[in-house]
Amino acid sequence: MERDFNSPYMDFGMSQGPDMNDFYKDPMFNPVMQYEQAYSYYKYLCMQMDYRIKCKEYEKMCNVNNSNNERKERRVE
């Protein structure tokens, strides 16, 4: 993910000099980059939880269908 660190939005309103701006060029100390990374991780976790919930629902559906089929087979015999 390429970022343009020369944009005016990356200044954060700090006028202490170029040393502070150089400090924020490192993604580890850049609050915008940290926010984006946290949001991506949160989104990934939500997708993972949705997948697990859907798997559980599918298992329940299959178990209900299997139990209904077994009941019908028992009646026929």
PDB file of N, CA and C in Angstrom:
ATOM      1  N   MET A   1       0.845  -1.163   0.000  1.00  0.00           N
ATOM      2  CA  MET A   1       0.000   0.000   0.000  1.00  0.00           C
ATOM      3  C   MET A   1       0.898   1.235   0.000  1.00  0.00           C
ATOM      4  N   GLU A   2       0.930   1.907  -1.117  1.00  0.00           N
ATOM      5  CA  GLU A   2       1.771   3.098  -1.259  1.00  0.00           C
ATOM      6  C   GLU A   2       1.039   4.318  -0.697  1.00  0.00           C
ATOM      7  N   ARG A   3       1.753   5.150   0.006  1.00  0.00           N
ATOM      8  CA  ARG A   3       1.180   6.372   0.568  1.00  0.00           C
ATOM      9  C   ARG A   3       2.040   7.559   0.148  1.00  0.00           C
ATOM     10  N   ASP A   4       1.376   8.680  -0.044  1.00  0.00           N
ATOM     11  CA  ASP A   4       2.082   9.916  -0.368  1.00  0.00           C
ATOM     12  C   ASP A   4       2.233  10.702   0.923  1.00  0.00           C
ATOM     13  N   PHE A   5       3.433  10.694   1.502  1.00  0.00           N
ATOM     14  CA  PHE A   5       3.665  11.361   2.774  1.00  0.00           C
ATOM     15  C   PHE A   5       3.953  12.855   2.595  1.00  0.00           C
ATOM     16  N   ASN A   6       3.880  13.351   1.382  1.00  0.00           N
ATOM     17  CA  ASN A   6       4.110  14.769   1.145  1.00  0.00           C
ATOM     18  C   ASN A   6       2.796  15.536   1.041  1.00  0.00           C
ATOM     19  N   SER A   7       1.690  14.890   1.292  1.00  0.00           N
ATOM     20  CA  SER A   7       0.396  15.566   1.162  1.00  0.00           C
ATOM     21  C   SER A   7       0.214  16.546   2.330  1.00  0.00           C
ATOM     22  N   PRO A   8      -0.558  17.604   2.133  1.00  0.00           N
ATOM     23  CA  PRO A   8      -0.769  18.592   3.203  1.00  0.00           C
ATOM     24  C   PRO A   8      -1.565  18.026   4.371  1.00  0.00           C
ATOM     25  N   TYR A   9      -2.278  16.918   4.165  1.00  0.00           N
ATOM     26  CA  TYR A   9      -3.074  16.339   5.236  1.00  0.00           C
ATOM     27  C   TYR A   9      -2.229  15.545   6.215  1.00  0.00           C
ATOM     28  N   MET A  10      -1.007  15.256   5.869  1.00  0.00           N
ATOM     29  CA  MET A  10      -0.139  14.479   6.747  1.00  0.00           C
ATOM     30  C   MET A  10       0.653  15.373   7.703  1.00  0.00           C
ATOM     31  N   ASP A  11       0.396  16.671   7.687  1.00  0.00           N
ATOM     32  CA  ASP A  11       1.161  17.606   8.516  1.00  0.00           C
ATOM     33  C   ASP A  11       0.694  17.592   9.964  1.00  0.00           C
ATOM     34  N   PHE A  12      -0.585  17.289  10.217  1.00  0.00           N
ATOM     35  CA  PHE A  12      -1.198  17.224  11.545  1.00  0.00           C
ATOM     36  C   PHE A  12      -1.156  18.555  12.285  1.00  0.00           C
ATOM     37  N   GLY A  13      -0.970  19.651  11.571  1.00  0.00           N
ATOM     38  CA  GLY A  13      -1.010  20.969  12.183  1.00  0.00           C
ATOM     39  C   GLY A  13       0.139  21.247  13.118  1.00  0.00           C
ATOM     40  N   MET A  14       1.223  20.553  13.014  1.00  0.00           N
ATOM     41  CA  MET A  14       2.361  20.758  13.909  1.00  0.00           C
ATOM     42  C   MET A  14       3.417  21.593  13.194  1.00  0.00           C
ATOM     43  N   SER A  15       3.845  22.627  13.841  1.00  0.00           N
ATOM     44  CA  SER A  15       4.834  23.501  13.212  1.00  0.00           C
ATOM     45  C   SER A  15       6.137  23.518  14.012  1.00  0.00           C
ATOM     46  N   GLN A  16       6.534  22.390  14.566  1.00  0.00           N
ATOM     47  CA  GLN A  16       7.776  22.332  15.327  1.00  0.00           C
ATOM     48  C   GLN A  16       8.989  22.234  14.412  1.00  0.00           C
ATOM     49  N   GLY A  17       8.786  22.062  13.168  1.00  0.00           N
ATOM     50  CA  GLY A  17       9.907  21.975  12.241  1.00  0.00           C
ATOM     51  C   GLY A  17       9.901  20.661  11.490  1.00  0.00           C
ATOM     52  N   PRO A  18      10.865  20.496  10.623  1.00  0.00           N
ATOM     53  CA  PRO A  18      10.890  19.286   9.795  1.00  0.00           C
ATOM     54  C   PRO A  18      11.169  18.013  10.588  1.00  0.00           C
ATOM     55  N   ASP A  19      11.753  18.142  11.777  1.00  0.00           N
ATOM     56  CA  ASP A  19      12.061  16.943  12.550  1.00  0.00           C
ATOM     57  C   ASP A  19      10.787  16.209  12.977  1.00  0.00           C
ATOM     58  N   MET A  20       9.744  16.947  13.376  1.00  0.00           N
ATOM     59  CA  MET A  20       8.498  16.312  13.776  1.00  0.00           C
ATOM     60  C   MET A  20       7.808  15.667  12.585  1.00  0.00           C
ATOM     61  N   ASN A  21       7.854  16.315  11.426  1.00  0.00           N
ATOM     62  CA  ASN A  21       7.243  15.727  10.240  1.00  0.00           C
ATOM     63  C   ASN A  21       7.981  14.462   9.827  1.00  0.00           C
ATOM     64  N   ASP A  22       9.295  14.447   9.991  1.00  0.00           N
ATOM     65  CA  ASP A  22      10.055  13.238   9.680  1.00  0.00           C
ATOM     66  C   ASP A  22       9.674  12.115  10.639  1.00  0.00           C
ATOM     67  N   PHE A  23       9.362  12.480  11.862  1.00  0.00           N
ATOM     68  CA  PHE A  23       8.957  11.493  12.861  1.00  0.00           C
ATOM     69  C   PHE A  23       7.679  10.787  12.423  1.00  0.00           C
ATOM     70  N   TYR A  24       6.727  11.527  11.854  1.00  0.00           N
ATOM     71  CA  TYR A  24       5.444  10.955  11.446  1.00  0.00           C
ATOM     72  C   TYR A  24       5.510  10.238  10.109  1.00  0.00           C
ATOM     73  N   LYS A  25       6.619  10.317   9.398  1.00  0.00           N
ATOM     74  CA  LYS A  25       6.738   9.565   8.147  1.00  0.00           C
ATOM     75  C   LYS A  25       6.868   8.074   8.423  1.00  0.00           C
ATOM     76  N   ASP A  26       7.360   7.727   9.603  1.00  0.00           N
ATOM     77  CA  ASP A  26       7.438   6.319   9.980  1.00  0.00           C
ATOM     78  C   ASP A  26       6.013   5.822  10.256  1.00  0.00           C
ATOM     79  N   PRO A  27       5.537   4.781   9.537  1.00  0.00           N
ATOM     80  CA  PRO A  27       4.157   4.311   9.720  1.00  0.00           C
ATOM     81  C   PRO A  27       3.839   3.875  11.148  1.00  0.00           C
ATOM     82  N   MET A  28       4.857   3.508  11.906  1.00  0.00           N
ATOM     83  CA  MET A  28       4.606   3.063  13.274  1.00  0.00           C
ATOM     84  C   MET A  28       4.102   4.208  14.151  1.00  0.00           C
ATOM     85  N   PHE A  29       4.523   5.427  13.880  1.00  0.00           N
ATOM     86  CA  PHE A  29       4.137   6.576  14.697  1.00  0.00           C
ATOM     87  C   PHE A  29       3.117   7.477  14.019  1.00  0.00           C
ATOM     88  N   ASN A  30       2.645   7.088  12.865  1.00  0.00           N
ATOM     89  CA  ASN A  30       1.684   7.904  12.125  1.00  0.00           C
ATOM     90  C   ASN A  30       0.275   7.508  12.554  1.00  0.00           C
ATOM     91  N   PRO A  31      -0.485   8.415  13.185  1.00  0.00           N
ATOM     92  CA  PRO A  31      -1.830   8.056  13.666  1.00  0.00           C
ATOM     93  C   PRO A  31      -2.787   7.658  12.551  1.00  0.00           C
ATOM     94  N   VAL A  32      -2.645   8.248  11.379  1.00  0.00           N
ATOM     95  CA  VAL A  32      -3.536   7.895  10.266  1.00  0.00           C
ATOM     96  C   VAL A  32      -3.279   6.450   9.840  1.00  0.00           C
ATOM     97  N   MET A  33      -2.029   6.083   9.747  1.00  0.00           N
ATOM     98  CA  MET A  33      -1.684   4.716   9.356  1.00  0.00           C
ATOM     99  C   MET A  33      -2.130   3.721  10.428  1.00  0.00           C
ATOM    100  N   GLN A  34      -1.982   4.095  11.688  1.00  0.00           N
ATOM    101  CA  GLN A  34      -2.414   3.201  12.770  1.00  0.00           C
ATOM    102  C   GLN A  34      -3.926   3.002  12.733  1.00  0.00           C
ATOM    103  N   TYR A  35      -4.660   4.071  12.451  1.00  0.00           N
ATOM    104  CA  TYR A  35      -6.122   3.974  12.358  1.00  0.00           C
ATOM    105  C   TYR A  35      -6.516   3.051  11.219  1.00  0.00           C
ATOM    106  N   GLU A  36      -5.871   3.230  10.060  1.00  0.00           N
ATOM    107  CA  GLU A  36      -6.197   2.395   8.901  1.00  0.00           C
ATOM    108  C   GLU A  36      -5.884   0.931   9.182  1.00  0.00           C
ATOM    109  N   GLN A  37      -4.775   0.684   9.846  1.00  0.00           N
ATOM    110  CA  GLN A  37      -4.412  -0.690  10.157  1.00  0.00           C
ATOM    111  C   GLN A  37      -5.406  -1.294  11.149  1.00  0.00           C
ATOM    112  N   ALA A  38      -5.793  -0.539  12.154  1.00  0.00           N
ATOM    113  CA  ALA A  38      -6.757  -1.041  13.140  1.00  0.00           C
ATOM    114  C   ALA A  38      -8.107  -1.297  12.486  1.00  0.00           C
ATOM    115  N   TYR A  39      -8.522  -0.407  11.585  1.00  0.00           N
ATOM    116  CA  TYR A  39      -9.795  -0.598  10.897  1.00  0.00           C
ATOM    117  C   TYR A  39      -9.752  -1.848  10.023  1.00  0.00           C
ATOM    118  N   SER A  40      -8.648  -2.067   9.323  1.00  0.00           N
ATOM    119  CA  SER A  40      -8.520  -3.259   8.479  1.00  0.00           C
ATOM    120  C   SER A  40      -8.574  -4.527   9.324  1.00  0.00           C
ATOM    121  N   TYR A  41      -7.919  -4.506  10.469  1.00  0.00           N
ATOM    122  CA  TYR A  41      -7.925  -5.669  11.354  1.00  0.00           C
ATOM    123  C   TYR A  41      -9.331  -5.924  11.904  1.00  0.00           C
ATOM    124  N   TYR A  42     -10.020  -4.858  12.299  1.00  0.00           N
ATOM    125  CA  TYR A  42     -11.390  -4.982  12.802  1.00  0.00           C
ATOM    126  C   TYR A  42     -12.305  -5.554  11.717  1.00  0.00           C
ATOM    127  N   LYS A  43     -12.142  -5.064  10.506  1.00  0.00           N
ATOM    128  CA  LYS A  43     -12.952  -5.542   9.384  1.00  0.00           C
ATOM    129  C   LYS A  43     -12.683  -7.029   9.138  1.00  0.00           C
ATOM    130  N   TYR A  44     -11.410  -7.421   9.199  1.00  0.00           N
ATOM    131  CA  TYR A  44     -11.045  -8.825   9.026  1.00  0.00           C
ATOM    132  C   TYR A  44     -11.688  -9.690  10.110  1.00  0.00           C
ATOM    133  N   LEU A  45     -11.642  -9.226  11.370  1.00  0.00           N
ATOM    134  CA  LEU A  45     -12.243 -10.002  12.455  1.00  0.00           C
ATOM    135  C   LEU A  45     -13.756 -10.129  12.288  1.00  0.00           C
ATOM    136  N   CYS A  46     -14.399  -9.063  11.831  1.00  0.00           N
ATOM    137  CA  CYS A  46     -15.847  -9.115  11.611  1.00  0.00           C
ATOM    138  C   CYS A  46     -16.192 -10.118  10.512  1.00  0.00           C
ATOM    139  N   MET A  47     -15.397 -10.120   9.450  1.00  0.00           N
ATOM    140  CA  MET A  47     -15.628 -11.076   8.366  1.00  0.00           C
ATOM    141  C   MET A  47     -15.441 -12.508   8.868  1.00  0.00           C
ATOM    142  N   GLN A  48     -14.452 -12.703   9.712  1.00  0.00           N
ATOM    143  CA  GLN A  48     -14.192 -14.031  10.262  1.00  0.00           C
ATOM    144  C   GLN A  48     -15.352 -14.480  11.151  1.00  0.00           C
ATOM    145  N   MET A  49     -15.870 -13.578  11.964  1.00  0.00           N
ATOM    146  CA  MET A  49     -17.002 -13.924  12.835  1.00  0.00           C
ATOM    147  C   MET A  49     -18.253 -14.225  12.007  1.00  0.00           C
ATOM    148  N   ASP A  50     -18.501 -13.442  10.958  1.00  0.00           N
ATOM    149  CA  ASP A  50     -19.645 -13.713  10.081  1.00  0.00           C
ATOM    150  C   ASP A  50     -19.527 -15.102   9.462  1.00  0.00           C
ATOM    151  N   TYR A  51     -18.322 -15.454   9.040  1.00  0.00           N
ATOM    152  CA  TYR A  51     -18.103 -16.765   8.437  1.00  0.00           C
ATOM    153  C   TYR A  51     -18.393 -17.876   9.445  1.00  0.00           C
ATOM    154  N   ARG A  52     -17.919 -17.704  10.675  1.00  0.00           N
ATOM    155  CA  ARG A  52     -18.160 -18.733  11.689  1.00  0.00           C
ATOM    156  C   ARG A  52     -19.651 -18.870  12.000  1.00  0.00           C
ATOM    157  N   ILE A  53     -20.343 -17.745  12.079  1.00  0.00           N
ATOM    158  CA  ILE A  53     -21.778 -17.783  12.351  1.00  0.00           C
ATOM    159  C   ILE A  53     -22.511 -18.504  11.221  1.00  0.00           C
ATOM    160  N   LYS A  54     -22.144 -18.200   9.986  1.00  0.00           N
ATOM    161  CA  LYS A  54     -22.794 -18.859   8.848  1.00  0.00           C
ATOM    162  C   LYS A  54     -22.489 -20.352   8.833  1.00  0.00           C
ATOM    163  N   CYS A  55     -21.270 -20.737   9.214  1.00  0.00           N
ATOM    164  CA  CYS A  55     -20.932 -22.164   9.288  1.00  0.00           C
ATOM    165  C   CYS A  55     -21.785 -22.863  10.334  1.00  0.00           C
ATOM    166  N   LYS A  56     -21.970 -22.231  11.485  1.00  0.00           N
ATOM    167  CA  LYS A  56     -22.802 -22.819  12.542  1.00  0.00           C
ATOM    168  C   LYS A  56     -24.250 -22.964  12.071  1.00  0.00           C
ATOM    169  N   GLU A  57     -24.762 -21.932  11.385  1.00  0.00           N
ATOM    170  CA  GLU A  57     -26.130 -22.009  10.872  1.00  0.00           C
ATOM    171  C   GLU A  57     -26.260 -23.122   9.843  1.00  0.00           C
ATOM    172  N   TYR A  58     -25.260 -23.279   8.991  1.00  0.00           N
ATOM    173  CA  TYR A  58     -25.291 -24.331   7.980  1.00  0.00           C
ATOM    174  C   TYR A  58     -25.262 -25.708   8.640  1.00  0.00           C
ATOM    175  N   GLU A  59     -24.427 -25.862   9.673  1.00  0.00           N
ATOM    176  CA  GLU A  59     -24.377 -27.135  10.392  1.00  0.00           C
ATOM    177  C   GLU A  59     -25.739 -27.458  11.013  1.00  0.00           C
ATOM    178  N   LYS A  60     -26.374 -26.453  11.599  1.00  0.00           N
ATOM    179  CA  LYS A  60     -27.695 -26.678  12.202  1.00  0.00           C
ATOM    180  C   LYS A  60     -28.703 -27.087  11.145  1.00  0.00           C
ATOM    181  N   MET A  61     -28.669 -26.404   9.988  1.00  0.00           N
ATOM    182  CA  MET A  61     -29.591 -26.761   8.908  1.00  0.00           C
ATOM    183  C   MET A  61     -29.358 -28.195   8.456  1.00  0.00           C
ATOM    184  N   CYS A  62     -28.113 -28.571   8.296  1.00  0.00           N
ATOM    185  CA  CYS A  62     -27.801 -29.931   7.853  1.00  0.00           C
ATOM    186  C   CYS A  62     -28.217 -30.956   8.892  1.00  0.00           C
ATOM    187  N   ASN A  63     -28.011 -30.657  10.150  1.00  0.00           N
ATOM    188  CA  ASN A  63     -28.408 -31.585  11.213  1.00  0.00           C
ATOM    189  C   ASN A  63     -29.917 -31.745  11.274  1.00  0.00           C
ATOM    190  N   VAL A  64     -30.650 -30.656  11.080  1.00  0.00           N
ATOM    191  CA  VAL A  64     -32.111 -30.729  11.084  1.00  0.00           C
ATOM    192  C   VAL A  64     -32.581 -31.550   9.893  1.00  0.00           C
ATOM    193  N   ASN A  65     -32.014 -31.316   8.734  1.00  0.00           N
ATOM    194  CA  ASN A  65     -32.399 -32.078   7.541  1.00  0.00           C
ATOM    195  C   ASN A  65     -32.053 -33.553   7.703  1.00  0.00           C
ATOM    196  N   ASN A  66     -30.889 -33.845   8.249  1.00  0.00           N
ATOM    197  CA  ASN A  66     -30.484 -35.239   8.447  1.00  0.00           C
ATOM    198  C   ASN A  66     -31.390 -35.939   9.450  1.00  0.00           C
ATOM    199  N   SER A  67     -31.741 -35.252  10.528  1.00  0.00           N
ATOM    200  CA  SER A  67     -32.609 -35.876  11.528  1.00  0.00           C
ATOM    201  C   SER A  67     -34.006 -36.101  10.952  1.00  0.00           C
ATOM    202  N   ASN A  68     -34.497 -35.182  10.129  1.00  0.00           N
ATOM    203  CA  ASN A  68     -35.800 -35.374   9.489  1.00  0.00           C
ATOM    204  C   ASN A  68     -35.755 -36.549   8.523  1.00  0.00           C
ATOM    205  N   ASN A  69     -34.670 -36.671   7.761  1.00  0.00           N
ATOM    206  CA  ASN A  69     -34.534 -37.783   6.823  1.00  0.00           C
ATOM    207  C   ASN A  69     -34.456 -39.108   7.564  1.00  0.00           C
ATOM    208  N   GLU A  70     -33.753 -39.140   8.681  1.00  0.00           N
ATOM    209  CA  GLU A  70     -33.654 -40.376   9.467  1.00  0.00           C
ATOM    210  C   GLU A  70     -35.014 -40.774  10.018  1.00  0.00           C
ATOM    211  N   ARG A  71     -35.794 -39.803  10.450  1.00  0.00           N
ATOM    212  CA  ARG A  71     -37.140 -40.099  10.974  1.00  0.00           C
ATOM    213  C   ARG A  71     -38.019 -40.681   9.878  1.00  0.00           C
ATOM    214  N   LYS A  72     -37.945 -40.102   8.685  1.00  0.00           N
ATOM    215  CA  LYS A  72     -38.763 -40.608   7.559  1.00  0.00           C
ATOM    216  C   LYS A  72     -38.347 -42.028   7.196  1.00  0.00           C
ATOM    217  N   GLU A  73     -37.023 -42.297   7.203  1.00  0.00           N
ATOM    218  CA  GLU A  73     -36.529 -43.624   6.870  1.00  0.00           C
ATOM    219  C   GLU A  73     -36.980 -44.653   7.905  1.00  0.00           C
ATOM    220  N   ARG A  74     -37.004 -44.271   9.164  1.00  0.00           N
ATOM    221  CA  ARG A  74     -37.445 -45.186  10.222  1.00  0.00           C
ATOM    222  C   ARG A  74     -38.923 -45.541  10.068  1.00  0.00           C
ATOM    223  N   ARG A  75     -39.724 -44.577   9.660  1.00  0.00           N
ATOM    224  CA  ARG A  75     -41.149 -44.811   9.490  1.00  0.00           C
ATOM    225  C   ARG A  75     -41.396 -45.766   8.323  1.00  0.00           C
ATOM    226  N   VAL A  76     -40.618 -45.630   7.265  1.00  0.00           N
ATOM    227  CA  VAL A  76     -40.799 -46.452   6.083  1.00  0.00           C
ATOM    228  C   VAL A  76     -40.443 -47.895   6.384  1.00  0.00           C
ATOM    229  N   GLU A  77     -39.445 -48.133   7.189  1.00  0.00           N
ATOM    230  CA  GLU A  77     -39.007 -49.498   7.483  1.00  0.00           C
ATOM    231  C   GLU A  77     -39.995 -50.162   8.354  1.00  0.00           C
TER     232      GLU A  77
END
